[in-house]
Amino acid sequence: MKYIAVLGHGTVGSGVTELFIKNRTSIERKAGMELDIKYILDIRDFPDHPLADRFTKDFEKIVNDPEVAVVVEVIGGLNPSYSYVKRCLENGKSVVTSNKELVATHGAELLKLAKDNNLNFLFEASVGGGIPIIRPLSQCLSANELFEIAGILNGTTNYILTKMITDGISFETALANAQELGYAERNPSADVDGADSCRKICILASLAFGHHIYPDKVYTEGIRNISLKDVEAAKSFGGVIKLIAAASRLENGKVQIFVAPCILNKVSQLSHVDDVFNAILVKGDAIGDVIFYGRGAGKMPTASAVVADVIDAVKHISARKMLYWSDAIEGSVEDFDKFQTSYYVRCLRNEKTAKLVASVFGSVNYIEGYGDAELSFITPLSTEGELKAKCEQLKAEGIDVYSTIRVIDL
């Protein structure tokens, strides 16, 4: 018999206990042993829960119980999750988590602690929810040199952009709809400002490239400033706007990594990923392109990934899985101002705009449709730094720049 403790009984935690109770027989068969949940940590009481007698408010009881082999952390955030997970690893307990902020911030440290104690720190649910991605990267694709990972990693923002594209509604209206349906939190900042996608791409890049990449090193831009005019302009030349998180290994050995709205051509497989679905494109030297697709969040999909990690953890007691990356390497992240692509630009139109655009940007492809008030165009290839400087030149001449969006090939 191996005992499990679950820290947190919110959306994911309740899904974990529900799934364990429902599928216990098959879970034990796949684990090759009897399993039971001994503790569920929460500050609230759940007197009607089938495991009501397992609830506790005392973390010390869990961390000091030698019978607990695996601890599931689904509290979220960094405090107290970080200290709880660290103490569990220090006290001989493998840990499974869905906490993307924890892994993106402290992954290298916690993986080393697990390694030093011959334990496992597993986090399949931290990136794709129910979409398998951590295990395929670390095991199935381990023979490959991975050189690029890119995708739509946040279902809330993808839902909002999809509604703007298909229903022609504003960002504000689409966000309100997402909140009504429970796809967006009351405070949606982590989603719409890109922090959630940033944490996820940091985890994937750290795993793919072997060293920790911290969120504060990643250029991150959300979707608050995307307007219906931008959506329609992209549509007019066969494109769609998606919030893309991407990381690639450059020839100089550095990692180029960002989160930002991008215009994708409709031939891209990612351009057809709609509503709350996520998709992750992985490029390797042997496998070529592989796409992982599905619901990236939700109670039961995420619980599914968590419980699968629990099975993996109990099957590898005193036999570590080789899931690991080293701490950050100074200077390993490329300056985002060097990122190069074409850009969509929307700006004020007056009698001197066209002449100034030609002078500053050279030959551009104009997009019609905004009458006399605005001008939109696609630039030639340019670096991020060059684009900023050129937009500042326009602004210095009294030409307001309303929107710039990267046009990329994936």
Protein backbone atom coordinates (compact mmCIF):
# COMPACT_ATOMS: atom_id res chain seq x y z
CA MET A 1 0.00 0.00 0.00
CA LYS A 2 1.25 3.48 -0.91
CA TYR A 3 -0.38 6.54 0.61
CA ILE A 4 -1.02 9.86 -1.11
CA ALA A 5 -1.70 13.32 0.29
CA VAL A 6 -3.46 16.05 -1.67
CA LEU A 7 -2.68 19.69 -0.84
CA GLY A 8 -5.66 21.81 -1.85
CA HIS A 9 -9.26 20.93 -2.64
CA GLY A 10 -10.21 23.61 -5.15
CA THR A 11 -11.11 22.95 -8.79
CA VAL A 12 -8.17 20.67 -9.60
CA GLY A 13 -7.84 19.11 -6.15
CA SER A 14 -11.49 18.10 -6.07
CA GLY A 15 -11.06 16.67 -9.57
CA VAL A 16 -8.11 14.58 -8.38
CA THR A 17 -10.04 13.03 -5.49
CA GLU A 18 -13.12 12.51 -7.66
CA LEU A 19 -11.11 10.77 -10.37
CA PHE A 20 -9.24 8.62 -7.83
CA ILE A 21 -12.49 7.44 -6.24
CA LYS A 22 -14.14 6.78 -9.61
CA ASN A 23 -11.24 4.94 -11.26
CA ARG A 24 -9.43 3.54 -8.24
CA THR A 25 -9.43 -0.07 -9.42
CA SER A 26 -7.87 0.69 -12.79
CA ILE A 27 -5.47 3.26 -11.25
CA GLU A 28 -4.19 0.62 -8.81
CA ARG A 29 -3.88 -1.94 -11.60
CA LYS A 30 -1.80 0.49 -13.68
CA ALA A 31 0.32 1.44 -10.67
CA GLY A 32 0.86 -2.22 -9.81
CA MET A 33 -0.05 -1.74 -6.15
CA GLU A 34 -2.77 -0.65 -3.75
CA LEU A 35 -3.10 3.12 -3.29
CA ASP A 36 -5.08 5.30 -0.94
CA ILE A 37 -5.50 9.00 -0.21
CA LYS A 38 -4.56 9.44 3.44
CA TYR A 39 -4.84 13.23 3.76
CA ILE A 40 -6.49 16.14 1.97
CA LEU A 41 -5.23 19.53 3.14
CA ASP A 42 -7.64 22.48 3.02
CA ILE A 43 -8.66 25.32 5.29
CA ARG A 44 -12.32 24.50 4.62
CA ASP A 45 -14.45 21.59 5.81
CA PHE A 46 -16.17 19.19 3.42
CA PRO A 47 -18.46 17.12 5.67
CA ASP A 48 -20.39 15.58 2.74
CA HIS A 49 -17.31 14.46 0.81
CA PRO A 50 -16.82 10.67 0.46
CA LEU A 51 -13.37 11.15 2.01
CA ALA A 52 -14.51 13.61 4.68
CA ASP A 53 -12.51 11.82 7.35
CA ARG A 54 -9.24 12.44 5.43
CA PHE A 55 -9.39 16.26 5.54
CA THR A 56 -6.93 18.14 7.69
CA LYS A 57 -5.82 21.72 8.21
CA ASP A 58 -2.42 20.66 9.55
CA PHE A 59 0.36 20.41 6.96
CA GLU A 60 2.80 19.20 9.64
CA LYS A 61 0.79 16.01 9.99
CA ILE A 62 1.38 15.28 6.30
CA VAL A 63 5.04 16.21 5.99
CA ASN A 64 5.96 14.23 9.12
CA ASP A 65 4.02 11.08 8.24
CA PRO A 66 6.50 8.45 6.92
CA GLU A 67 3.65 6.49 5.30
CA VAL A 68 2.94 9.27 2.77
CA ALA A 69 4.96 8.48 -0.35
CA VAL A 70 3.54 11.00 -2.84
CA VAL A 71 2.19 14.49 -2.24
CA VAL A 72 -0.03 16.21 -4.80
CA GLU A 73 0.25 20.02 -4.70
CA VAL A 74 -2.73 21.73 -6.31
CA ILE A 75 -2.99 24.84 -4.16
CA GLY A 76 -1.49 27.09 -6.84
CA GLY A 77 0.62 30.22 -6.54
CA LEU A 78 3.92 30.40 -4.71
CA ASN A 79 2.94 30.85 -1.08
CA PRO A 80 2.65 28.46 0.71
CA SER A 81 3.06 26.02 -2.20
CA TYR A 82 6.80 26.52 -2.61
CA SER A 83 7.65 25.92 1.06
CA TYR A 84 5.28 22.95 1.26
CA VAL A 85 6.75 21.26 -1.84
CA LYS A 86 10.32 21.93 -0.75
CA ARG A 87 9.72 20.46 2.70
CA CYS A 88 8.02 17.38 1.24
CA LEU A 89 11.02 16.71 -1.01
CA GLU A 90 13.36 17.24 1.93
CA ASN A 91 11.31 14.72 3.93
CA GLY A 92 11.42 11.85 1.46
CA LYS A 93 8.17 12.40 -0.43
CA SER A 94 7.88 12.64 -4.21
CA VAL A 95 5.73 15.54 -5.40
CA VAL A 96 3.24 15.92 -8.24
CA THR A 97 1.97 19.39 -9.11
CA SER A 98 -0.15 21.28 -11.65
CA ASN A 99 1.30 24.60 -10.46
CA LYS A 100 2.83 26.34 -13.49
CA GLU A 101 3.95 29.38 -11.50
CA LEU A 102 5.82 27.16 -9.05
CA VAL A 103 7.59 25.17 -11.78
CA ALA A 104 8.42 28.23 -13.89
CA THR A 105 9.86 30.06 -10.88
CA HIS A 106 11.53 27.27 -8.85
CA GLY A 107 11.70 24.30 -11.23
CA ALA A 108 15.49 23.99 -11.38
CA GLU A 109 15.83 24.14 -7.59
CA LEU A 110 13.06 21.62 -6.93
CA LEU A 111 14.25 19.22 -9.61
CA LYS A 112 17.74 19.27 -8.06
CA LEU A 113 16.28 18.69 -4.61
CA ALA A 114 14.32 15.72 -5.93
CA LYS A 115 17.43 14.35 -7.63
CA ASP A 116 19.57 14.76 -4.51
CA ASN A 117 16.98 12.84 -2.48
CA ASN A 118 16.33 10.14 -5.12
CA LEU A 119 12.74 11.33 -5.49
CA ASN A 120 10.53 12.57 -8.30
CA PHE A 121 9.11 16.03 -8.96
CA LEU A 122 6.51 15.64 -11.72
CA PHE A 123 4.39 18.36 -13.36
CA GLU A 124 2.68 17.08 -16.52
CA ALA A 125 -0.44 19.13 -15.77
CA SER A 126 1.46 22.42 -15.42
CA VAL A 127 1.57 23.26 -19.14
CA GLY A 128 -1.13 21.59 -21.19
CA GLY A 129 -3.67 20.61 -18.54
CA GLY A 130 -4.93 17.35 -19.99
CA ILE A 131 -2.70 17.57 -23.10
CA PRO A 132 0.33 15.28 -22.72
CA ILE A 133 3.47 17.34 -23.42
CA ILE A 134 6.03 17.04 -20.58
CA ARG A 135 6.33 13.26 -20.84
CA PRO A 136 6.52 13.26 -24.68
CA LEU A 137 9.26 15.92 -24.58
CA SER A 138 11.31 14.18 -21.90
CA GLN A 139 10.81 10.60 -23.11
CA CYS A 140 9.23 10.04 -26.54
CA LEU A 141 11.22 12.79 -28.27
CA SER A 142 14.40 12.44 -26.21
CA ALA A 143 16.40 11.17 -29.21
CA ASN A 144 15.79 14.48 -31.00
CA GLU A 145 17.59 17.79 -30.83
CA LEU A 146 14.62 20.08 -30.30
CA PHE A 147 15.07 23.48 -31.88
CA GLU A 148 11.66 25.15 -31.63
CA ILE A 149 8.50 24.99 -29.53
CA ALA A 150 5.58 27.29 -30.26
CA GLY A 151 1.92 27.26 -29.54
CA ILE A 152 -1.35 28.55 -28.22
CA LEU A 153 -0.97 27.88 -24.51
CA ASN A 154 -3.90 29.74 -22.98
CA GLY A 155 -7.51 28.75 -23.63
CA THR A 156 -9.02 31.96 -22.25
CA THR A 157 -7.21 34.27 -24.66
CA ASN A 158 -7.81 31.87 -27.53
CA TYR A 159 -11.54 31.88 -26.77
CA ILE A 160 -11.58 35.71 -26.68
CA LEU A 161 -9.72 36.04 -29.99
CA THR A 162 -11.92 33.38 -31.60
CA LYS A 163 -15.09 35.28 -30.61
CA MET A 164 -13.60 38.53 -31.95
CA ILE A 165 -12.78 36.79 -35.25
CA THR A 166 -15.98 34.76 -35.75
CA ASP A 167 -18.60 36.95 -34.04
CA GLY A 168 -17.12 40.39 -34.64
CA ILE A 169 -17.40 41.42 -30.98
CA SER A 170 -14.95 43.61 -29.08
CA PHE A 171 -12.27 42.40 -26.70
CA GLU A 172 -14.26 43.74 -23.73
CA THR A 173 -17.44 41.90 -24.77
CA ALA A 174 -15.60 38.67 -25.51
CA LEU A 175 -13.85 38.84 -22.14
CA ALA A 176 -17.16 39.36 -20.36
CA ASN A 177 -18.55 36.30 -22.18
CA ALA A 178 -15.51 34.26 -21.13
CA GLN A 179 -16.03 35.29 -17.51
CA GLU A 180 -19.73 34.36 -17.63
CA LEU A 181 -18.82 30.90 -18.95
CA GLY A 182 -16.13 30.41 -16.31
CA TYR A 183 -13.25 30.46 -18.81
CA ALA A 184 -11.82 33.68 -17.38
CA GLU A 185 -11.26 34.69 -13.77
CA ARG A 186 -12.81 37.79 -12.22
CA ASN A 187 -9.29 39.25 -12.46
CA PRO A 188 -8.19 37.98 -15.90
CA SER A 189 -4.76 39.61 -15.92
CA ALA A 190 -2.69 36.40 -15.82
CA ASP A 191 -4.46 35.22 -18.97
CA VAL A 192 -5.02 38.34 -21.07
CA ASP A 193 -1.69 39.99 -20.21
CA GLY A 194 0.26 36.85 -21.11
CA ALA A 195 1.70 35.75 -17.74
CA ASP A 196 0.07 32.30 -17.89
CA SER A 197 1.47 31.61 -21.37
CA CYS A 198 4.84 32.97 -20.28
CA ARG A 199 5.12 30.51 -17.40
CA LYS A 200 4.18 27.62 -19.66
CA ILE A 201 6.67 28.43 -22.41
CA CYS A 202 9.38 28.84 -19.74
CA ILE A 203 8.71 25.29 -18.55
CA LEU A 204 8.74 23.87 -22.08
CA ALA A 205 11.88 25.78 -23.08
CA SER A 206 13.69 24.78 -19.89
CA LEU A 207 12.90 21.13 -20.56
CA ALA A 208 13.71 21.28 -24.27
CA PHE A 209 16.97 23.21 -23.98
CA GLY A 210 18.24 21.85 -20.65
CA HIS A 211 18.55 24.95 -18.49
CA HIS A 212 16.08 27.07 -16.57
CA ILE A 213 14.59 30.09 -18.28
CA TYR A 214 12.92 32.45 -15.83
CA PRO A 215 9.72 34.37 -16.69
CA ASP A 216 11.35 37.76 -16.10
CA LYS A 217 13.69 37.05 -19.04
CA VAL A 218 10.81 36.57 -21.48
CA TYR A 219 9.28 39.37 -23.58
CA THR A 220 5.58 39.15 -22.73
CA GLU A 221 2.71 41.02 -24.36
CA GLY A 222 -0.99 40.23 -23.96
CA ILE A 223 -4.09 40.82 -26.07
CA ARG A 224 -5.74 43.83 -24.39
CA ASN A 225 -4.80 46.16 -27.24
CA ILE A 226 -6.09 43.96 -30.07
CA SER A 227 -9.01 45.71 -31.78
CA LEU A 228 -11.63 44.54 -34.26
CA LYS A 229 -9.87 46.68 -36.87
CA ASP A 230 -6.76 44.55 -36.38
CA VAL A 231 -8.79 41.35 -36.60
CA GLU A 232 -10.45 42.47 -39.84
CA ALA A 233 -7.15 43.65 -41.32
CA ALA A 234 -5.54 40.26 -40.64
CA LYS A 235 -8.53 38.51 -42.18
CA SER A 236 -8.26 40.65 -45.32
CA PHE A 237 -4.89 39.15 -46.23
CA GLY A 238 -5.63 35.58 -45.15
CA GLY A 239 -4.41 35.73 -41.57
CA VAL A 240 -5.72 35.27 -38.03
CA ILE A 241 -4.47 36.74 -34.75
CA LYS A 242 -3.42 34.30 -32.03
CA LEU A 243 -1.55 34.74 -28.76
CA ILE A 244 1.63 32.79 -29.47
CA ALA A 245 4.24 31.60 -27.00
CA ALA A 246 7.43 30.51 -28.74
CA ALA A 247 10.99 29.49 -27.94
CA SER A 248 13.73 28.53 -30.38
CA ARG A 249 17.42 27.71 -30.16
CA LEU A 250 19.47 30.03 -32.36
CA GLU A 251 22.69 29.22 -34.23
CA ASN A 252 24.63 31.23 -31.63
CA GLY A 253 23.35 28.83 -28.94
CA LYS A 254 21.06 31.36 -27.31
CA VAL A 255 17.31 30.91 -26.83
CA GLN A 256 14.89 33.34 -28.43
CA ILE A 257 11.67 33.33 -26.44
CA PHE A 258 8.54 35.49 -26.32
CA VAL A 259 4.80 35.66 -25.74
CA ALA A 260 2.87 38.04 -28.01
CA PRO A 261 -0.11 38.38 -30.35
CA CYS A 262 0.92 37.25 -33.83
CA ILE A 263 -0.73 37.04 -37.22
CA LEU A 264 -0.59 33.53 -38.66
CA ASN A 265 -1.35 32.62 -42.24
CA LYS A 266 -4.35 30.32 -42.54
CA VAL A 267 -2.11 27.56 -43.93
CA SER A 268 -0.64 27.23 -40.42
CA GLN A 269 -2.15 24.38 -38.43
CA LEU A 270 -2.15 26.64 -35.37
CA SER A 271 -4.40 29.14 -37.16
CA HIS A 272 -7.29 26.63 -36.95
CA VAL A 273 -7.05 26.10 -33.18
CA ASP A 274 -10.15 27.86 -31.85
CA ASP A 275 -12.20 28.50 -28.71
CA VAL A 276 -10.66 27.16 -25.47
CA PHE A 277 -8.44 24.63 -27.20
CA ASN A 278 -4.65 24.74 -27.00
CA ALA A 279 -2.01 23.43 -29.38
CA ILE A 280 1.74 23.00 -29.04
CA LEU A 281 4.03 22.66 -32.08
CA VAL A 282 7.37 20.93 -31.44
CA LYS A 283 10.15 20.84 -34.04
CA GLY A 284 12.93 18.27 -33.80
CA ASP A 285 15.76 17.28 -36.09
CA ALA A 286 14.59 13.67 -36.50
CA ILE A 287 10.83 13.86 -36.00
CA GLY A 288 10.17 17.09 -37.92
CA ASP A 289 6.98 18.84 -36.81
CA VAL A 290 4.67 17.35 -34.15
CA ILE A 291 1.52 19.01 -32.80
CA PHE A 292 -0.16 18.28 -29.47
CA TYR A 293 -3.78 19.47 -29.36
CA GLY A 294 -6.61 19.47 -26.85
CA ARG A 295 -8.25 21.24 -23.94
CA GLY A 296 -5.49 22.96 -22.01
CA ALA A 297 -7.40 23.42 -18.77
CA GLY A 298 -10.49 22.32 -16.89
CA LYS A 299 -11.14 20.31 -13.77
CA MET A 300 -11.09 16.76 -15.10
CA PRO A 301 -8.56 17.10 -17.96
CA THR A 302 -6.07 18.59 -15.50
CA ALA A 303 -6.91 16.01 -12.84
CA SER A 304 -6.29 13.31 -15.44
CA ALA A 305 -2.71 14.52 -15.95
CA VAL A 306 -2.13 14.86 -12.20
CA VAL A 307 -3.31 11.33 -11.41
CA ALA A 308 -1.22 9.94 -14.29
CA ASP A 309 1.82 11.56 -12.66
CA VAL A 310 0.84 9.99 -9.32
CA ILE A 311 0.83 6.56 -10.98
CA ASP A 312 4.25 7.34 -12.48
CA ALA A 313 5.57 8.51 -9.11
CA VAL A 314 4.52 5.41 -7.17
CA LYS A 315 5.93 3.15 -9.90
CA HIS A 316 9.27 4.93 -9.52
CA ILE A 317 9.72 4.93 -5.76
CA SER A 318 13.53 4.95 -5.26
CA ALA A 319 13.93 4.85 -9.05
CA ARG A 320 14.02 8.38 -10.42
CA LYS A 321 12.55 9.36 -13.74
CA MET A 322 15.07 11.37 -15.76
CA LEU A 323 13.14 14.63 -15.78
CA TYR A 324 15.65 17.37 -15.14
CA TRP A 325 17.18 20.67 -16.21
CA SER A 326 20.00 22.76 -14.75
CA ASP A 327 19.72 26.28 -13.37
CA ALA A 328 19.80 29.33 -15.66
CA ILE A 329 22.86 30.16 -17.73
CA GLU A 330 23.74 33.85 -17.66
CA GLY A 331 23.23 35.47 -21.06
CA SER A 332 21.51 32.44 -22.60
CA VAL A 333 18.35 34.34 -23.61
CA GLU A 334 18.68 36.44 -26.75
CA ASP A 335 17.75 40.13 -26.57
CA PHE A 336 14.23 40.30 -28.01
CA ASP A 337 15.10 43.49 -29.89
CA LYS A 338 17.02 41.18 -32.26
CA PHE A 339 13.92 39.13 -33.14
CA GLN A 340 13.23 39.49 -36.87
CA THR A 341 9.97 39.19 -38.77
CA SER A 342 7.51 41.27 -40.79
CA TYR A 343 5.04 43.47 -38.91
CA TYR A 344 1.50 44.66 -39.37
CA VAL A 345 1.27 48.36 -38.49
CA ARG A 346 -1.87 50.50 -38.13
CA CYS A 347 -1.38 54.25 -37.80
CA LEU A 348 -2.93 57.68 -38.31
CA ARG A 349 -3.46 58.71 -41.92
CA ASN A 350 -2.96 62.31 -43.01
CA GLU A 351 -1.54 64.08 -46.01
CA LYS A 352 2.05 63.16 -45.18
CA THR A 353 1.62 59.59 -43.84
CA ALA A 354 2.24 57.67 -47.08
CA LYS A 355 5.38 59.66 -47.88
CA LEU A 356 6.72 59.20 -44.33
CA VAL A 357 5.96 55.45 -44.32
CA ALA A 358 7.83 55.03 -47.61
CA SER A 359 10.74 57.07 -46.26
CA VAL A 360 10.96 55.21 -42.94
CA PHE A 361 9.97 51.64 -43.86
CA GLY A 362 10.78 51.45 -47.56
CA SER A 363 8.54 49.25 -49.70
CA VAL A 364 5.45 48.12 -47.74
CA ASN A 365 2.25 46.25 -48.59
CA TYR A 366 -0.76 48.45 -47.85
CA ILE A 367 -4.03 47.12 -46.43
CA GLU A 368 -7.12 49.07 -47.36
CA GLY A 369 -10.36 49.42 -45.44
CA TYR A 370 -10.16 52.25 -42.91
CA GLY A 371 -11.15 55.25 -45.00
CA ASP A 372 -9.32 58.50 -44.49
CA ALA A 373 -8.59 58.17 -40.77
CA GLU A 374 -6.10 55.28 -40.63
CA LEU A 375 -3.50 53.51 -42.71
CA SER A 376 -2.41 49.89 -42.33
CA PHE A 377 0.48 48.07 -43.92
CA ILE A 378 2.85 45.10 -43.69
CA THR A 379 6.53 45.95 -43.31
CA PRO A 380 9.50 44.21 -44.89
CA LEU A 381 11.56 41.99 -42.60
CA SER A 382 12.70 44.01 -39.61
CA THR A 383 14.04 43.41 -36.14
CA GLU A 384 12.00 44.32 -33.09
CA GLY A 385 14.48 47.08 -32.28
CA GLU A 386 14.32 48.50 -35.78
CA LEU A 387 10.52 48.49 -35.72
CA LYS A 388 10.44 50.41 -32.45
CA ALA A 389 12.84 53.02 -33.82
CA LYS A 390 10.84 53.42 -37.03
CA CYS A 391 7.56 53.79 -35.15
CA GLU A 392 9.20 56.46 -33.00
CA GLN A 393 10.16 58.29 -36.20
CA LEU A 394 6.51 58.30 -37.26
CA LYS A 395 5.40 59.52 -33.84
CA ALA A 396 7.99 62.30 -33.91
CA GLU A 397 6.33 63.53 -37.12
CA GLY A 398 2.87 63.53 -35.49
CA ILE A 399 1.77 60.14 -36.88
CA ASP A 400 0.24 58.09 -34.04
CA VAL A 401 0.89 54.35 -34.21
CA TYR A 402 -2.17 52.47 -32.96
CA SER A 403 -1.09 48.85 -33.38
CA THR A 404 1.91 46.69 -34.27
CA ILE A 405 1.55 42.92 -34.56
CA ARG A 406 4.16 40.38 -35.63
CA VAL A 407 3.44 38.40 -38.81
CA ILE A 408 5.10 35.00 -38.38
CA ASP A 409 5.38 31.63 -40.13
CA LEU A 410 4.64 28.52 -38.05
